[in-house]
């Protein structure tokens, strides 16, 4: 649930956790004063867990290395051909008399 910031009539502020679906408060739950929701910049986004790529970072050194790798990949010829394989030899049974 997000945290919303409200400003009371006397100028003081408080924060409260509310569902996104809830209507904004009209009165302070503690003092009973009229309140207005304050638009704030938020706390930013925090990503946790795996799934980061080299391109996700703003490190210019990493970008240069990635470009160098791409250039070296283009210079090497790619062979998509499968190696030649010999057909399997058929086994024959010797007839015993």
C-alpha atoms as a PDB file:
ATOM      1  CA  UNK A   1       0.000   0.000   0.000  1.00  0.00           C
ATOM      2  CA  UNK A   2       1.289   3.470  -0.809  1.00  0.00           C
ATOM      3  CA  UNK A   3       2.003   6.110   1.796  1.00  0.00           C
ATOM      4  CA  UNK A   4       0.286   9.460   1.296  1.00  0.00           C
ATOM      5  CA  UNK A   5       1.293  12.772   2.848  1.00  0.00           C
ATOM      6  CA  UNK A   6      -1.361  15.170   4.132  1.00  0.00           C
ATOM      7  CA  UNK A   7      -1.113  18.782   5.346  1.00  0.00           C
ATOM      8  CA  UNK A   8      -3.294  20.019   8.209  1.00  0.00           C
ATOM      9  CA  UNK A   9      -4.840  23.504   8.440  1.00  0.00           C
ATOM     10  CA  UNK A  10      -2.139  24.558  10.925  1.00  0.00           C
ATOM     11  CA  UNK A  11       0.611  23.670   8.394  1.00  0.00           C
ATOM     12  CA  UNK A  12       1.856  20.473   9.971  1.00  0.00           C
ATOM     13  CA  UNK A  13       2.072  17.345   7.896  1.00  0.00           C
ATOM     14  CA  UNK A  14       1.591  13.631   8.501  1.00  0.00           C
ATOM     15  CA  UNK A  15       1.802  10.446   6.496  1.00  0.00           C
ATOM     16  CA  UNK A  16      -0.700   7.621   6.322  1.00  0.00           C
ATOM     17  CA  UNK A  17      -0.802   4.316   4.452  1.00  0.00           C
ATOM     18  CA  UNK A  18      -3.903   3.953   2.315  1.00  0.00           C
ATOM     19  CA  UNK A  19      -5.060   1.765  -0.513  1.00  0.00           C
ATOM     20  CA  UNK A  20      -4.963   3.344  -3.948  1.00  0.00           C
ATOM     21  CA  UNK A  21      -8.711   2.762  -4.147  1.00  0.00           C
ATOM     22  CA  UNK A  22      -9.437   4.729  -0.933  1.00  0.00           C
ATOM     23  CA  UNK A  23     -10.748   8.274  -1.180  1.00  0.00           C
ATOM     24  CA  UNK A  24      -8.421  11.048   0.101  1.00  0.00           C
ATOM     25  CA  UNK A  25      -8.910  12.003   3.744  1.00  0.00           C
ATOM     26  CA  UNK A  26     -10.856  15.166   4.515  1.00  0.00           C
ATOM     27  CA  UNK A  27     -10.066  15.343   8.242  1.00  0.00           C
ATOM     28  CA  UNK A  28      -7.006  14.401  10.273  1.00  0.00           C
ATOM     29  CA  UNK A  29      -7.647  11.161  12.174  1.00  0.00           C
ATOM     30  CA  UNK A  30      -5.728  12.532  15.216  1.00  0.00           C
ATOM     31  CA  UNK A  31      -6.774  16.209  15.493  1.00  0.00           C
ATOM     32  CA  UNK A  32      -9.915  16.419  13.375  1.00  0.00           C
ATOM     33  CA  UNK A  33      -8.530  19.376  11.359  1.00  0.00           C
ATOM     34  CA  UNK A  34      -9.243  19.686   7.659  1.00  0.00           C
ATOM     35  CA  UNK A  35      -6.457  18.233   5.510  1.00  0.00           C
ATOM     36  CA  UNK A  36      -5.282  18.300   1.902  1.00  0.00           C
ATOM     37  CA  UNK A  37      -3.243  15.603   0.205  1.00  0.00           C
ATOM     38  CA  UNK A  38       0.231  16.834  -0.687  1.00  0.00           C
ATOM     39  CA  UNK A  39       1.711  15.743  -3.994  1.00  0.00           C
ATOM     40  CA  UNK A  40       5.253  14.593  -3.278  1.00  0.00           C
ATOM     41  CA  UNK A  41       8.110  13.352  -5.401  1.00  0.00           C
ATOM     42  CA  UNK A  42       7.977   9.874  -3.907  1.00  0.00           C
ATOM     43  CA  UNK A  43      10.786   7.701  -2.727  1.00  0.00           C
ATOM     44  CA  UNK A  44      11.989   6.372  -6.042  1.00  0.00           C
ATOM     45  CA  UNK A  45      11.899   2.849  -7.318  1.00  0.00           C
ATOM     46  CA  UNK A  46      13.851   0.063  -5.664  1.00  0.00           C
ATOM     47  CA  UNK A  47      14.435  -3.101  -7.659  1.00  0.00           C
ATOM     48  CA  UNK A  48      15.316  -6.266  -5.797  1.00  0.00           C
ATOM     49  CA  UNK A  49      16.418  -9.594  -7.150  1.00  0.00           C
ATOM     50  CA  UNK A  50      18.062 -10.892 -10.281  1.00  0.00           C
ATOM     51  CA  UNK A  51      17.511  -9.760 -13.822  1.00  0.00           C
ATOM     52  CA  UNK A  52      19.938  -6.879 -14.287  1.00  0.00           C
ATOM     53  CA  UNK A  53      21.801  -6.449 -17.532  1.00  0.00           C
ATOM     54  CA  UNK A  54      25.060  -4.674 -18.293  1.00  0.00           C
ATOM     55  CA  UNK A  55      23.114  -2.074 -20.267  1.00  0.00           C
ATOM     56  CA  UNK A  56      21.119  -1.134 -17.152  1.00  0.00           C
ATOM     57  CA  UNK A  57      24.062   0.755 -15.682  1.00  0.00           C
ATOM     58  CA  UNK A  58      25.175   4.247 -16.650  1.00  0.00           C
ATOM     59  CA  UNK A  59      28.839   3.295 -16.486  1.00  0.00           C
ATOM     60  CA  UNK A  60      30.375   4.522 -19.750  1.00  0.00           C
ATOM     61  CA  UNK A  61      33.277   2.069 -19.446  1.00  0.00           C
ATOM     62  CA  UNK A  62      30.842  -0.831 -19.653  1.00  0.00           C
ATOM     63  CA  UNK A  63      29.241   0.653 -22.764  1.00  0.00           C
ATOM     64  CA  UNK A  64      32.610   0.919 -24.474  1.00  0.00           C
ATOM     65  CA  UNK A  65      33.422  -2.703 -23.634  1.00  0.00           C
ATOM     66  CA  UNK A  66      30.054  -3.839 -24.974  1.00  0.00           C
ATOM     67  CA  UNK A  67      30.639  -1.945 -28.240  1.00  0.00           C
ATOM     68  CA  UNK A  68      34.099  -3.496 -28.570  1.00  0.00           C
ATOM     69  CA  UNK A  69      32.631  -6.970 -28.075  1.00  0.00           C
ATOM     70  CA  UNK A  70      30.015  -6.352 -30.766  1.00  0.00           C
ATOM     71  CA  UNK A  71      32.675  -5.203 -33.219  1.00  0.00           C
ATOM     72  CA  UNK A  72      34.836  -8.265 -32.543  1.00  0.00           C
ATOM     73  CA  UNK A  73      31.809 -10.527 -33.019  1.00  0.00           C
ATOM     74  CA  UNK A  74      31.172  -9.017 -36.457  1.00  0.00           C
ATOM     75  CA  UNK A  75      34.765  -9.641 -37.582  1.00  0.00           C
ATOM     76  CA  UNK A  76      34.679 -13.354 -36.792  1.00  0.00           C
ATOM     77  CA  UNK A  77      32.985 -15.392 -39.523  1.00  0.00           C
ATOM     78  CA  UNK A  78      30.017 -17.333 -38.299  1.00  0.00           C
ATOM     79  CA  UNK A  79      29.531 -20.875 -39.463  1.00  0.00           C
ATOM     80  CA  UNK A  80      26.035 -22.211 -39.065  1.00  0.00           C
ATOM     81  CA  UNK A  81      26.794 -25.405 -40.976  1.00  0.00           C
ATOM     82  CA  UNK A  82      26.519 -28.646 -39.112  1.00  0.00           C
ATOM     83  CA  UNK A  83      29.631 -30.814 -39.145  1.00  0.00           C
ATOM     84  CA  UNK A  84      29.650 -33.511 -41.793  1.00  0.00           C
ATOM     85  CA  UNK A  85      28.611 -36.796 -40.351  1.00  0.00           C
ATOM     86  CA  UNK A  86      29.120 -40.194 -41.812  1.00  0.00           C
ATOM     87  CA  UNK A  87      26.141 -42.499 -42.156  1.00  0.00           C
ATOM     88  CA  UNK A  88      26.026 -45.259 -39.611  1.00  0.00           C
ATOM     89  CA  UNK A  89      27.460 -48.554 -40.772  1.00  0.00           C
ATOM     90  CA  UNK A  90      25.051 -51.408 -40.983  1.00  0.00           C
ATOM     91  CA  UNK A  91      25.929 -54.399 -38.923  1.00  0.00           C
ATOM     92  CA  UNK A  92      25.679 -57.699 -40.738  1.00  0.00           C
ATOM     93  CA  UNK A  93      25.430 -60.978 -39.012  1.00  0.00           C
ATOM     94  CA  UNK A  94      27.560 -63.791 -40.253  1.00  0.00           C
ATOM     95  CA  UNK A  95      25.589 -66.863 -41.109  1.00  0.00           C
ATOM     96  CA  UNK A  96      26.649 -69.869 -39.163  1.00  0.00           C
ATOM     97  CA  UNK A  97      26.391 -73.262 -40.780  1.00  0.00           C
END
